[in-house]
Each structure stands twice: as C-alpha cells, then as structure tokens.
C-alpha cells in the first residue's frame, strides 16, 4: 500500500459547530494541519472509533495512539490530538457579583 492511500476519505471534513469559519481561519492550526483535518478528518474519526479497520502501518499506529497505547508521534497523530484538545477543552467562565453586606448597625435596628 502506498503512503498516499493512508487515511483516505471521500469527503472533506468540516466542523461548523466548533470551527464555523473553517480550520484554516480559526487560528488554531497551521495550514498543513488544517489541510490534513479537512482531507482526512472522517478517516481519523472512523479509525478512532473503531468503525474502520486500519489499512496500513500508519493507520495501525494511529489507532494505537487513539487507544492511549502510545504518544502522538506522526504528523497525523499530532494533528488529531490538537483537534481533540481544541474541541474538548474546558471553558471556565467567571462572573463578578457583589453581595450586599449587613453591618452590625443594620442588624441591631431590626431587633427593635
């Protein structure tokens, strides 16, 4: 199998929920990473979920990475890890609120 056949997908991957203006315009990925996600995103998802059997050594290594058996080493693995980190990031939202305080003088007036 040729290296060009690895991670082959018929459709371009898009994620309008998390990246409404596309991967390249998000500022989160390099041009190369954005192209990899667009061209191979569906293959990444299928391999990560087990819906697709690996067709070559690269895909087998990618599945091992997705299962947590190894760290991200190849460009495909690092790109998918970056995508997953951005999609699954926890967003903390902090608000400021003031609580009216009750002074001792106000509390003693209520007793009367």
PDB file of N, CA and C in Angstrom:
ATOM      1  N   UNK A   1       0.841  -1.179   0.000  1.00  0.00           N
ATOM      2  CA  UNK A   1       0.000   0.000   0.000  1.00  0.00           C
ATOM      3  C   UNK A   1       0.886   1.242   0.000  1.00  0.00           C
ATOM      4  N   UNK A   2       0.522   2.208  -0.804  1.00  0.00           N
ATOM      5  CA  UNK A   2       1.278   3.452  -0.868  1.00  0.00           C
ATOM      6  C   UNK A   2       0.918   4.333   0.307  1.00  0.00           C
ATOM      7  N   UNK A   3       1.834   5.252   0.621  1.00  0.00           N
ATOM      8  CA  UNK A   3       1.575   6.166   1.719  1.00  0.00           C
ATOM      9  C   UNK A   3       0.428   7.102   1.402  1.00  0.00           C
ATOM     10  N   UNK A   4       0.176   7.364   0.110  1.00  0.00           N
ATOM     11  CA  UNK A   4      -0.915   8.262  -0.271  1.00  0.00           C
ATOM     12  C   UNK A   4      -2.282   7.658   0.049  1.00  0.00           C
ATOM     13  N   UNK A   5      -2.346   6.339   0.162  1.00  0.00           N
ATOM     14  CA  UNK A   5      -3.611   5.675   0.447  1.00  0.00           C
ATOM     15  C   UNK A   5      -3.958   5.678   1.931  1.00  0.00           C
ATOM     16  N   UNK A   6      -3.016   6.054   2.762  1.00  0.00           N
ATOM     17  CA  UNK A   6      -3.273   6.090   4.199  1.00  0.00           C
ATOM     18  C   UNK A   6      -4.259   7.213   4.512  1.00  0.00           C
ATOM     19  N   UNK A   7      -5.190   6.949   5.391  1.00  0.00           N
ATOM     20  CA  UNK A   7      -6.182   7.912   5.862  1.00  0.00           C
ATOM     21  C   UNK A   7      -7.049   8.456   4.724  1.00  0.00           C
ATOM     22  N   UNK A   8      -7.309   7.629   3.733  1.00  0.00           N
ATOM     23  CA  UNK A   8      -8.094   8.055   2.570  1.00  0.00           C
ATOM     24  C   UNK A   8      -9.554   8.244   2.967  1.00  0.00           C
ATOM     25  N   UNK A   9     -10.122   9.346   2.483  1.00  0.00           N
ATOM     26  CA  UNK A   9     -11.523   9.661   2.745  1.00  0.00           C
ATOM     27  C   UNK A   9     -12.116  10.304   1.500  1.00  0.00           C
ATOM     28  N   UNK A  10     -13.372  10.005   1.226  1.00  0.00           N
ATOM     29  CA  UNK A  10     -14.031  10.542   0.035  1.00  0.00           C
ATOM     30  C   UNK A  10     -14.590  11.937   0.257  1.00  0.00           C
ATOM     31  N   UNK A  11     -14.865  12.285   1.497  1.00  0.00           N
ATOM     32  CA  UNK A  11     -15.482  13.585   1.797  1.00  0.00           C
ATOM     33  C   UNK A  11     -14.515  14.478   2.539  1.00  0.00           C
ATOM     34  N   UNK A  12     -14.710  15.779   2.379  1.00  0.00           N
ATOM     35  CA  UNK A  12     -13.942  16.762   3.140  1.00  0.00           C
ATOM     36  C   UNK A  12     -14.619  16.937   4.500  1.00  0.00           C
ATOM     37  N   UNK A  13     -13.824  16.969   5.536  1.00  0.00           N
ATOM     38  CA  UNK A  13     -14.329  17.078   6.899  1.00  0.00           C
ATOM     39  C   UNK A  13     -14.498  18.548   7.275  1.00  0.00           C
ATOM     40  N   UNK A  14     -15.629  18.852   7.868  1.00  0.00           N
ATOM     41  CA  UNK A  14     -15.905  20.195   8.368  1.00  0.00           C
ATOM     42  C   UNK A  14     -16.516  20.061   9.764  1.00  0.00           C
ATOM     43  N   UNK A  15     -16.310  21.074  10.576  1.00  0.00           N
ATOM     44  CA  UNK A  15     -16.867  21.100  11.921  1.00  0.00           C
ATOM     45  C   UNK A  15     -17.428  22.499  12.174  1.00  0.00           C
ATOM     46  N   UNK A  16     -18.615  22.792  11.610  1.00  0.00           N
ATOM     47  CA  UNK A  16     -19.160  24.153  11.733  1.00  0.00           C
ATOM     48  C   UNK A  16     -19.535  24.538  13.163  1.00  0.00           C
ATOM     49  N   UNK A  17     -19.765  23.561  14.023  1.00  0.00           N
ATOM     50  CA  UNK A  17     -20.109  23.881  15.413  1.00  0.00           C
ATOM     51  C   UNK A  17     -18.915  24.491  16.147  1.00  0.00           C
ATOM     52  N   UNK A  18     -17.755  23.860  16.026  1.00  0.00           N
ATOM     53  CA  UNK A  18     -16.572  24.307  16.751  1.00  0.00           C
ATOM     54  C   UNK A  18     -15.688  25.264  15.942  1.00  0.00           C
ATOM     55  N   UNK A  19     -15.733  25.147  14.618  1.00  0.00           N
ATOM     56  CA  UNK A  19     -14.920  25.991  13.745  1.00  0.00           C
ATOM     57  C   UNK A  19     -15.793  26.516  12.611  1.00  0.00           C
ATOM     58  N   UNK A  20     -16.675  27.480  12.891  1.00  0.00           N
ATOM     59  CA  UNK A  20     -17.648  27.933  11.894  1.00  0.00           C
ATOM     60  C   UNK A  20     -17.015  28.575  10.663  1.00  0.00           C
ATOM     61  N   UNK A  21     -15.822  29.105  10.767  1.00  0.00           N
ATOM     62  CA  UNK A  21     -15.171  29.748   9.630  1.00  0.00           C
ATOM     63  C   UNK A  21     -14.114  28.852   8.993  1.00  0.00           C
ATOM     64  N   UNK A  22     -14.057  27.607   9.395  1.00  0.00           N
ATOM     65  CA  UNK A  22     -13.102  26.660   8.841  1.00  0.00           C
ATOM     66  C   UNK A  22     -11.882  26.509   9.723  1.00  0.00           C
ATOM     67  N   UNK A  23     -11.147  25.466   9.464  1.00  0.00           N
ATOM     68  CA  UNK A  23      -9.959  25.175  10.271  1.00  0.00           C
ATOM     69  C   UNK A  23      -8.834  26.162   9.979  1.00  0.00           C
ATOM     70  N   UNK A  24      -8.670  26.515   8.722  1.00  0.00           N
ATOM     71  CA  UNK A  24      -7.573  27.402   8.342  1.00  0.00           C
ATOM     72  C   UNK A  24      -7.753  28.803   8.912  1.00  0.00           C
ATOM     73  N   UNK A  25      -8.983  29.257   9.052  1.00  0.00           N
ATOM     74  CA  UNK A  25      -9.244  30.603   9.557  1.00  0.00           C
ATOM     75  C   UNK A  25      -9.383  30.671  11.072  1.00  0.00           C
ATOM     76  N   UNK A  26      -9.345  29.538  11.724  1.00  0.00           N
ATOM     77  CA  UNK A  26      -9.566  29.529  13.172  1.00  0.00           C
ATOM     78  C   UNK A  26      -8.379  30.079  13.950  1.00  0.00           C
ATOM     79  N   UNK A  27      -7.191  30.005  13.380  1.00  0.00           N
ATOM     80  CA  UNK A  27      -6.001  30.436  14.095  1.00  0.00           C
ATOM     81  C   UNK A  27      -5.466  29.386  15.050  1.00  0.00           C
ATOM     82  N   UNK A  28      -6.091  28.237  15.084  1.00  0.00           N
ATOM     83  CA  UNK A  28      -5.681  27.160  15.992  1.00  0.00           C
ATOM     84  C   UNK A  28      -4.728  26.165  15.331  1.00  0.00           C
ATOM     85  N   UNK A  29      -4.701  26.145  13.997  1.00  0.00           N
ATOM     86  CA  UNK A  29      -3.936  25.142  13.267  1.00  0.00           C
ATOM     87  C   UNK A  29      -3.033  25.807  12.227  1.00  0.00           C
ATOM     88  N   UNK A  30      -1.938  25.121  11.902  1.00  0.00           N
ATOM     89  CA  UNK A  30      -1.117  25.569  10.786  1.00  0.00           C
ATOM     90  C   UNK A  30      -1.864  25.235   9.497  1.00  0.00           C
ATOM     91  N   UNK A  31      -1.385  25.761   8.380  1.00  0.00           N
ATOM     92  CA  UNK A  31      -2.039  25.447   7.091  1.00  0.00           C
ATOM     93  C   UNK A  31      -1.995  23.956   6.815  1.00  0.00           C
ATOM     94  N   UNK A  32      -0.857  23.353   7.115  1.00  0.00           N
ATOM     95  CA  UNK A  32      -0.710  21.916   6.876  1.00  0.00           C
ATOM     96  C   UNK A  32      -1.675  21.114   7.746  1.00  0.00           C
ATOM     97  N   UNK A  33      -1.801  21.480   9.020  1.00  0.00           N
ATOM     98  CA  UNK A  33      -2.725  20.783   9.915  1.00  0.00           C
ATOM     99  C   UNK A  33      -4.166  20.968   9.461  1.00  0.00           C
ATOM    100  N   UNK A  34      -4.525  22.169   9.049  1.00  0.00           N
ATOM    101  CA  UNK A  34      -5.887  22.428   8.578  1.00  0.00           C
ATOM    102  C   UNK A  34      -6.202  21.573   7.353  1.00  0.00           C
ATOM    103  N   UNK A  35      -5.256  21.442   6.444  1.00  0.00           N
ATOM    104  CA  UNK A  35      -5.470  20.610   5.265  1.00  0.00           C
ATOM    105  C   UNK A  35      -5.608  19.141   5.643  1.00  0.00           C
ATOM    106  N   UNK A  36      -4.782  18.683   6.568  1.00  0.00           N
ATOM    107  CA  UNK A  36      -4.875  17.288   6.998  1.00  0.00           C
ATOM    108  C   UNK A  36      -6.237  16.990   7.614  1.00  0.00           C
ATOM    109  N   UNK A  37      -6.724  17.877   8.462  1.00  0.00           N
ATOM    110  CA  UNK A  37      -8.026  17.654   9.098  1.00  0.00           C
ATOM    111  C   UNK A  37      -9.137  17.662   8.052  1.00  0.00           C
ATOM    112  N   UNK A  38      -9.093  18.605   7.135  1.00  0.00           N
ATOM    113  CA  UNK A  38     -10.127  18.670   6.097  1.00  0.00           C
ATOM    114  C   UNK A  38     -10.101  17.438   5.202  1.00  0.00           C
ATOM    115  N   UNK A  39      -8.911  17.003   4.810  1.00  0.00           N
ATOM    116  CA  UNK A  39      -8.798  15.888   3.868  1.00  0.00           C
ATOM    117  C   UNK A  39      -8.962  14.513   4.509  1.00  0.00           C
ATOM    118  N   UNK A  40      -8.591  14.380   5.780  1.00  0.00           N
ATOM    119  CA  UNK A  40      -8.577  13.058   6.408  1.00  0.00           C
ATOM    120  C   UNK A  40      -9.418  12.967   7.674  1.00  0.00           C
ATOM    121  N   UNK A  41     -10.174  13.983   8.011  1.00  0.00           N
ATOM    122  CA  UNK A  41     -10.928  14.010   9.260  1.00  0.00           C
ATOM    123  C   UNK A  41     -11.873  12.841   9.445  1.00  0.00           C
ATOM    124  N   UNK A  42     -12.583  12.477   8.386  1.00  0.00           N
ATOM    125  CA  UNK A  42     -13.516  11.353   8.513  1.00  0.00           C
ATOM    126  C   UNK A  42     -12.770  10.046   8.744  1.00  0.00           C
ATOM    127  N   UNK A  43     -11.629   9.885   8.117  1.00  0.00           N
ATOM    128  CA  UNK A  43     -10.816   8.681   8.348  1.00  0.00           C
ATOM    129  C   UNK A  43     -10.321   8.662   9.789  1.00  0.00           C
ATOM    130  N   UNK A  44      -9.907   9.816  10.311  1.00  0.00           N
ATOM    131  CA  UNK A  44      -9.462   9.888  11.704  1.00  0.00           C
ATOM    132  C   UNK A  44     -10.579   9.454  12.643  1.00  0.00           C
ATOM    133  N   UNK A  45     -11.781   9.977  12.416  1.00  0.00           N
ATOM    134  CA  UNK A  45     -12.923   9.650  13.280  1.00  0.00           C
ATOM    135  C   UNK A  45     -13.243   8.160  13.219  1.00  0.00           C
ATOM    136  N   UNK A  46     -13.274   7.610  12.013  1.00  0.00           N
ATOM    137  CA  UNK A  46     -13.601   6.194  11.859  1.00  0.00           C
ATOM    138  C   UNK A  46     -12.547   5.297  12.509  1.00  0.00           C
ATOM    139  N   UNK A  47     -11.292   5.659  12.358  1.00  0.00           N
ATOM    140  CA  UNK A  47     -10.231   4.863  12.983  1.00  0.00           C
ATOM    141  C   UNK A  47     -10.269   4.987  14.500  1.00  0.00           C
ATOM    142  N   UNK A  48     -10.490   6.196  14.997  1.00  0.00           N
ATOM    143  CA  UNK A  48     -10.520   6.411  16.448  1.00  0.00           C
ATOM    144  C   UNK A  48     -11.679   5.678  17.105  1.00  0.00           C
ATOM    145  N   UNK A  49     -12.807   5.598  16.408  1.00  0.00           N
ATOM    146  CA  UNK A  49     -13.982   4.939  16.980  1.00  0.00           C
ATOM    147  C   UNK A  49     -13.980   3.434  16.751  1.00  0.00           C
ATOM    148  N   UNK A  50     -13.112   2.955  15.877  1.00  0.00           N
ATOM    149  CA  UNK A  50     -13.077   1.521  15.573  1.00  0.00           C
ATOM    150  C   UNK A  50     -14.028   1.129  14.471  1.00  0.00           C
ATOM    151  N   UNK A  51     -14.672   2.109  13.824  1.00  0.00           N
ATOM    152  CA  UNK A  51     -15.614   1.819  12.743  1.00  0.00           C
ATOM    153  C   UNK A  51     -14.899   1.411  11.456  1.00  0.00           C
ATOM    154  N   UNK A  52     -13.625   1.670  11.387  1.00  0.00           N
ATOM    155  CA  UNK A  52     -12.834   1.354  10.191  1.00  0.00           C
ATOM    156  C   UNK A  52     -11.607   0.574  10.627  1.00  0.00           C
ATOM    157  N   UNK A  53     -11.292  -0.450   9.894  1.00  0.00           N
ATOM    158  CA  UNK A  53     -10.098  -1.243  10.179  1.00  0.00           C
ATOM    159  C   UNK A  53      -8.886  -0.560   9.555  1.00  0.00           C
ATOM    160  N   UNK A  54      -7.758  -0.589  10.224  1.00  0.00           N
ATOM    161  CA  UNK A  54      -6.556   0.043   9.653  1.00  0.00           C
ATOM    162  C   UNK A  54      -6.098  -0.685   8.391  1.00  0.00           C
ATOM    163  N   UNK A  55      -5.691   0.106   7.383  1.00  0.00           N
ATOM    164  CA  UNK A  55      -5.276  -0.473   6.109  1.00  0.00           C
ATOM    165  C   UNK A  55      -3.761  -0.527   5.938  1.00  0.00           C
ATOM    166  N   UNK A  56      -3.034   0.155   6.807  1.00  0.00           N
ATOM    167  CA  UNK A  56      -1.575   0.174   6.692  1.00  0.00           C
ATOM    168  C   UNK A  56      -0.963   0.381   8.075  1.00  0.00           C
ATOM    169  N   UNK A  57       0.344   0.398   8.125  1.00  0.00           N
ATOM    170  CA  UNK A  57       1.048   0.569   9.399  1.00  0.00           C
ATOM    171  C   UNK A  57       0.784   1.934  10.022  1.00  0.00           C
ATOM    172  N   UNK A  58       0.688   2.970   9.181  1.00  0.00           N
ATOM    173  CA  UNK A  58       0.403   4.311   9.701  1.00  0.00           C
ATOM    174  C   UNK A  58      -0.941   4.349  10.412  1.00  0.00           C
ATOM    175  N   UNK A  59      -1.938   3.747   9.799  1.00  0.00           N
ATOM    176  CA  UNK A  59      -3.268   3.728  10.406  1.00  0.00           C
ATOM    177  C   UNK A  59      -3.282   2.864  11.663  1.00  0.00           C
ATOM    178  N   UNK A  60      -2.519   1.797  11.676  1.00  0.00           N
ATOM    179  CA  UNK A  60      -2.421   0.939  12.862  1.00  0.00           C
ATOM    180  C   UNK A  60      -1.796   1.721  14.017  1.00  0.00           C
ATOM    181  N   UNK A  61      -0.748   2.474  13.720  1.00  0.00           N
ATOM    182  CA  UNK A  61      -0.106   3.299  14.748  1.00  0.00           C
ATOM    183  C   UNK A  61      -1.064   4.395  15.226  1.00  0.00           C
ATOM    184  N   UNK A  62      -1.861   4.949  14.309  1.00  0.00           N
ATOM    185  CA  UNK A  62      -2.836   5.977  14.678  1.00  0.00           C
ATOM    186  C   UNK A  62      -3.869   5.407  15.643  1.00  0.00           C
ATOM    187  N   UNK A  63      -4.334   4.196  15.371  1.00  0.00           N
ATOM    188  CA  UNK A  63      -5.296   3.554  16.277  1.00  0.00           C
ATOM    189  C   UNK A  63      -4.682   3.299  17.648  1.00  0.00           C
ATOM    190  N   UNK A  64      -3.426   2.898  17.683  1.00  0.00           N
ATOM    191  CA  UNK A  64      -2.747   2.676  18.966  1.00  0.00           C
ATOM    192  C   UNK A  64      -2.667   3.985  19.736  1.00  0.00           C
ATOM    193  N   UNK A  65      -2.411   5.084  19.040  1.00  0.00           N
ATOM    194  CA  UNK A  65      -2.388   6.401  19.676  1.00  0.00           C
ATOM    195  C   UNK A  65      -3.772   6.749  20.238  1.00  0.00           C
ATOM    196  N   UNK A  66      -4.812   6.535  19.447  1.00  0.00           N
ATOM    197  CA  UNK A  66      -6.175   6.865  19.889  1.00  0.00           C
ATOM    198  C   UNK A  66      -6.618   6.036  21.084  1.00  0.00           C
ATOM    199  N   UNK A  67      -6.113   4.829  21.185  1.00  0.00           N
ATOM    200  CA  UNK A  67      -6.450   3.963  22.315  1.00  0.00           C
ATOM    201  C   UNK A  67      -5.590   4.245  23.541  1.00  0.00           C
ATOM    202  N   UNK A  68      -4.627   5.164  23.402  1.00  0.00           N
ATOM    203  CA  UNK A  68      -3.789   5.536  24.529  1.00  0.00           C
ATOM    204  C   UNK A  68      -2.592   4.633  24.735  1.00  0.00           C
ATOM    205  N   UNK A  69      -2.295   3.787  23.765  1.00  0.00           N
ATOM    206  CA  UNK A  69      -1.168   2.869  23.892  1.00  0.00           C
ATOM    207  C   UNK A  69       0.174   3.530  23.617  1.00  0.00           C
ATOM    208  N   UNK A  70       0.156   4.698  22.953  1.00  0.00           N
ATOM    209  CA  UNK A  70       1.400   5.394  22.646  1.00  0.00           C
ATOM    210  C   UNK A  70       1.138   6.884  22.529  1.00  0.00           C
ATOM    211  N   UNK A  71       2.195   7.665  22.586  1.00  0.00           N
ATOM    212  CA  UNK A  71       2.085   9.111  22.438  1.00  0.00           C
ATOM    213  C   UNK A  71       1.998   9.476  20.963  1.00  0.00           C
ATOM    214  N   UNK A  72       1.531  10.696  20.707  1.00  0.00           N
ATOM    215  CA  UNK A  72       1.431  11.193  19.329  1.00  0.00           C
ATOM    216  C   UNK A  72       2.830  11.399  18.767  1.00  0.00           C
ATOM    217  N   UNK A  73       3.133  10.718  17.674  1.00  0.00           N
ATOM    218  CA  UNK A  73       4.450  10.820  17.058  1.00  0.00           C
ATOM    219  C   UNK A  73       4.377  11.364  15.636  1.00  0.00           C
ATOM    220  N   UNK A  74       3.488  10.840  14.821  1.00  0.00           N
ATOM    221  CA  UNK A  74       3.409  11.267  13.422  1.00  0.00           C
ATOM    222  C   UNK A  74       2.631  12.574  13.304  1.00  0.00           C
ATOM    223  N   UNK A  75       2.719  13.181  12.135  1.00  0.00           N
ATOM    224  CA  UNK A  75       2.003  14.430  11.893  1.00  0.00           C
ATOM    225  C   UNK A  75       0.492  14.219  11.992  1.00  0.00           C
ATOM    226  N   UNK A  76       0.000  13.092  11.493  1.00  0.00           N
ATOM    227  CA  UNK A  76      -1.427  12.784  11.591  1.00  0.00           C
ATOM    228  C   UNK A  76      -1.866  12.690  13.052  1.00  0.00           C
ATOM    229  N   UNK A  77      -1.086  12.028  13.860  1.00  0.00           N
ATOM    230  CA  UNK A  77      -1.424  11.847  15.275  1.00  0.00           C
ATOM    231  C   UNK A  77      -1.378  13.171  16.025  1.00  0.00           C
ATOM    232  N   UNK A  78      -0.353  13.960  15.791  1.00  0.00           N
ATOM    233  CA  UNK A  78      -0.250  15.264  16.468  1.00  0.00           C
ATOM    234  C   UNK A  78      -1.371  16.207  16.035  1.00  0.00           C
ATOM    235  N   UNK A  79      -1.736  16.152  14.766  1.00  0.00           N
ATOM    236  CA  UNK A  79      -2.818  17.000  14.263  1.00  0.00           C
ATOM    237  C   UNK A  79      -4.148  16.598  14.888  1.00  0.00           C
ATOM    238  N   UNK A  80      -4.414  15.309  14.944  1.00  0.00           N
ATOM    239  CA  UNK A  80      -5.673  14.847  15.541  1.00  0.00           C
ATOM    240  C   UNK A  80      -5.711  15.147  17.032  1.00  0.00           C
ATOM    241  N   UNK A  81      -4.591  15.034  17.718  1.00  0.00           N
ATOM    242  CA  UNK A  81      -4.533  15.369  19.138  1.00  0.00           C
ATOM    243  C   UNK A  81      -4.831  16.850  19.341  1.00  0.00           C
ATOM    244  N   UNK A  82      -4.275  17.695  18.506  1.00  0.00           N
ATOM    245  CA  UNK A  82      -4.524  19.141  18.609  1.00  0.00           C
ATOM    246  C   UNK A  82      -6.003  19.444  18.381  1.00  0.00           C
ATOM    247  N   UNK A  83      -6.592  18.807  17.373  1.00  0.00           N
ATOM    248  CA  UNK A  83      -8.019  18.995  17.106  1.00  0.00           C
ATOM    249  C   UNK A  83      -8.848  18.564  18.320  1.00  0.00           C
ATOM    250  N   UNK A  84      -8.566  17.391  18.854  1.00  0.00           N
ATOM    251  CA  UNK A  84      -9.312  16.883  20.007  1.00  0.00           C
ATOM    252  C   UNK A  84      -9.148  17.790  21.224  1.00  0.00           C
ATOM    253  N   UNK A  85      -7.943  18.295  21.434  1.00  0.00           N
ATOM    254  CA  UNK A  85      -7.710  19.212  22.557  1.00  0.00           C
ATOM    255  C   UNK A  85      -8.534  20.482  22.414  1.00  0.00           C
ATOM    256  N   UNK A  86      -8.646  21.001  21.199  1.00  0.00           N
ATOM    257  CA  UNK A  86      -9.412  22.232  20.969  1.00  0.00           C
ATOM    258  C   UNK A  86     -10.908  21.988  21.105  1.00  0.00           C
ATOM    259  N   UNK A  87     -11.375  20.866  20.627  1.00  0.00           N
ATOM    260  CA  UNK A  87     -12.816  20.563  20.679  1.00  0.00           C
ATOM    261  C   UNK A  87     -13.258  20.211  22.098  1.00  0.00           C
ATOM    262  N   UNK A  88     -12.423  19.521  22.837  1.00  0.00           N
ATOM    263  CA  UNK A  88     -12.803  19.047  24.168  1.00  0.00           C
ATOM    264  C   UNK A  88     -12.304  19.923  25.303  1.00  0.00           C
ATOM    265  N   UNK A  89     -11.823  21.112  24.977  1.00  0.00           N
ATOM    266  CA  UNK A  89     -11.290  21.985  26.032  1.00  0.00           C
ATOM    267  C   UNK A  89     -12.409  22.451  26.950  1.00  0.00           C
ATOM    268  N   UNK A  90     -12.051  22.585  28.184  1.00  0.00           N
ATOM    269  CA  UNK A  90     -12.994  23.056  29.189  1.00  0.00           C
ATOM    270  C   UNK A  90     -12.885  24.569  29.248  1.00  0.00           C
ATOM    271  N   UNK A  91     -14.004  25.226  29.133  1.00  0.00           N
ATOM    272  CA  UNK A  91     -14.023  26.684  29.165  1.00  0.00           C
ATOM    273  C   UNK A  91     -14.542  27.120  30.526  1.00  0.00           C
ATOM    274  N   UNK A  92     -13.723  27.872  31.226  1.00  0.00           N
ATOM    275  CA  UNK A  92     -14.126  28.399  32.525  1.00  0.00           C
ATOM    276  C   UNK A  92     -14.713  29.782  32.323  1.00  0.00           C
ATOM    277  N   UNK A  93     -15.819  30.018  32.964  1.00  0.00           N
ATOM    278  CA  UNK A  93     -16.471  31.316  32.876  1.00  0.00           C
ATOM    279  C   UNK A  93     -16.594  31.853  34.301  1.00  0.00           C
ATOM    280  N   UNK A  94     -16.037  33.015  34.502  1.00  0.00           N
ATOM    281  CA  UNK A  94     -16.075  33.627  35.817  1.00  0.00           C
ATOM    282  C   UNK A  94     -16.941  34.875  35.757  1.00  0.00           C
ATOM    283  N   UNK A  95     -17.738  35.092  36.783  1.00  0.00           N
ATOM    284  CA  UNK A  95     -18.545  36.297  36.876  1.00  0.00           C
ATOM    285  C   UNK A  95     -18.251  36.985  38.194  1.00  0.00           C
ATOM    286  N   UNK A  96     -18.428  38.250  38.180  1.00  0.00           N
ATOM    287  CA  UNK A  96     -18.253  39.025  39.401  1.00  0.00           C
ATOM    288  C   UNK A  96     -19.616  39.467  39.883  1.00  0.00           C
ATOM    289  N   UNK A  97     -19.840  39.307  41.128  1.00  0.00           N
ATOM    290  CA  UNK A  97     -21.117  39.727  41.708  1.00  0.00           C
ATOM    291  C   UNK A  97     -20.840  40.302  43.090  1.00  0.00           C
ATOM    292  N   UNK A  98     -21.601  41.305  43.411  1.00  0.00           N
ATOM    293  CA  UNK A  98     -21.449  41.865  44.758  1.00  0.00           C
ATOM    294  C   UNK A  98     -22.643  41.430  45.596  1.00  0.00           C
ATOM    295  N   UNK A  99     -22.347  41.119  46.829  1.00  0.00           N
ATOM    296  CA  UNK A  99     -23.383  40.709  47.763  1.00  0.00           C
ATOM    297  C   UNK A  99     -23.503  41.825  48.790  1.00  0.00           C
ATOM    298  N   UNK A 100     -24.696  42.341  48.928  1.00  0.00           N
ATOM    299  CA  UNK A 100     -24.836  43.418  49.911  1.00  0.00           C
ATOM    300  C   UNK A 100     -24.525  42.891  51.306  1.00  0.00           C
ATOM    301  N   UNK A 101     -23.695  43.615  51.990  1.00  0.00           N
ATOM    302  CA  UNK A 101     -23.330  43.174  53.330  1.00  0.00           C
ATOM    303  C   UNK A 101     -24.254  43.817  54.358  1.00  0.00           C
ATOM    304  N   UNK A 102     -24.452  43.102  55.425  1.00  0.00           N
ATOM    305  CA  UNK A 102     -25.278  43.605  56.513  1.00  0.00           C
ATOM    306  C   UNK A 102     -24.326  44.026  57.624  1.00  0.00           C
ATOM    307  N   UNK A 103     -24.388  45.280  57.969  1.00  0.00           N
ATOM    308  CA  UNK A 103     -23.495  45.757  59.020  1.00  0.00           C
ATOM    309  C   UNK A 103     -24.146  45.479  60.386  1.00  0.00           C
ATOM    310  N   UNK A 104     -23.357  45.601  61.421  1.00  0.00           N
ATOM    311  CA  UNK A 104     -23.870  45.366  62.774  1.00  0.00           C
ATOM    312  C   UNK A 104     -24.933  46.381  63.138  1.00  0.00           C
ATOM    313  N   UNK A 105     -24.802  47.625  62.657  1.00  0.00           N
ATOM    314  CA  UNK A 105     -25.791  48.647  62.968  1.00  0.00           C
ATOM    315  C   UNK A 105     -27.139  48.308  62.348  1.00  0.00           C
ATOM    316  N   UNK A 106     -27.117  47.800  61.114  1.00  0.00           N
ATOM    317  CA  UNK A 106     -28.382  47.455  60.451  1.00  0.00           C
ATOM    318  C   UNK A 106     -29.037  46.267  61.132  1.00  0.00           C
ATOM    319  N   UNK A 107     -28.262  45.337  61.603  1.00  0.00           N
ATOM    320  CA  UNK A 107     -28.806  44.154  62.266  1.00  0.00           C
ATOM    321  C   UNK A 107     -29.429  44.517  63.599  1.00  0.00           C
ATOM    322  N   UNK A 108     -28.853  45.491  64.299  1.00  0.00           N
ATOM    323  CA  UNK A 108     -29.398  45.864  65.601  1.00  0.00           C
ATOM    324  C   UNK A 108     -30.691  46.670  65.439  1.00  0.00           C
ATOM    325  N   UNK A 109     -30.856  47.389  64.326  1.00  0.00           N
ATOM    326  CA  UNK A 109     -32.096  48.147  64.077  1.00  0.00           C
ATOM    327  C   UNK A 109     -33.260  47.224  63.849  1.00  0.00           C
ATOM    328  N   UNK A 110     -33.023  46.062  63.281  1.00  0.00           N
ATOM    329  CA  UNK A 110     -34.095  45.128  63.022  1.00  0.00           C
ATOM    330  C   UNK A 110     -34.632  44.516  64.310  1.00  0.00           C
ATOM    331  N   UNK A 111     -33.834  44.472  65.355  1.00  0.00           N
ATOM    332  CA  UNK A 111     -34.254  43.876  66.603  1.00  0.00           C
ATOM    333  C   UNK A 111     -35.252  44.738  67.348  1.00  0.00           C
ATOM    334  N   UNK A 112     -35.258  46.043  67.083  1.00  0.00           N
ATOM    335  CA  UNK A 112     -36.128  46.947  67.840  1.00  0.00           C
ATOM    336  C   UNK A 112     -37.566  46.821  67.497  1.00  0.00           C
TER     337      UNK A 112
END
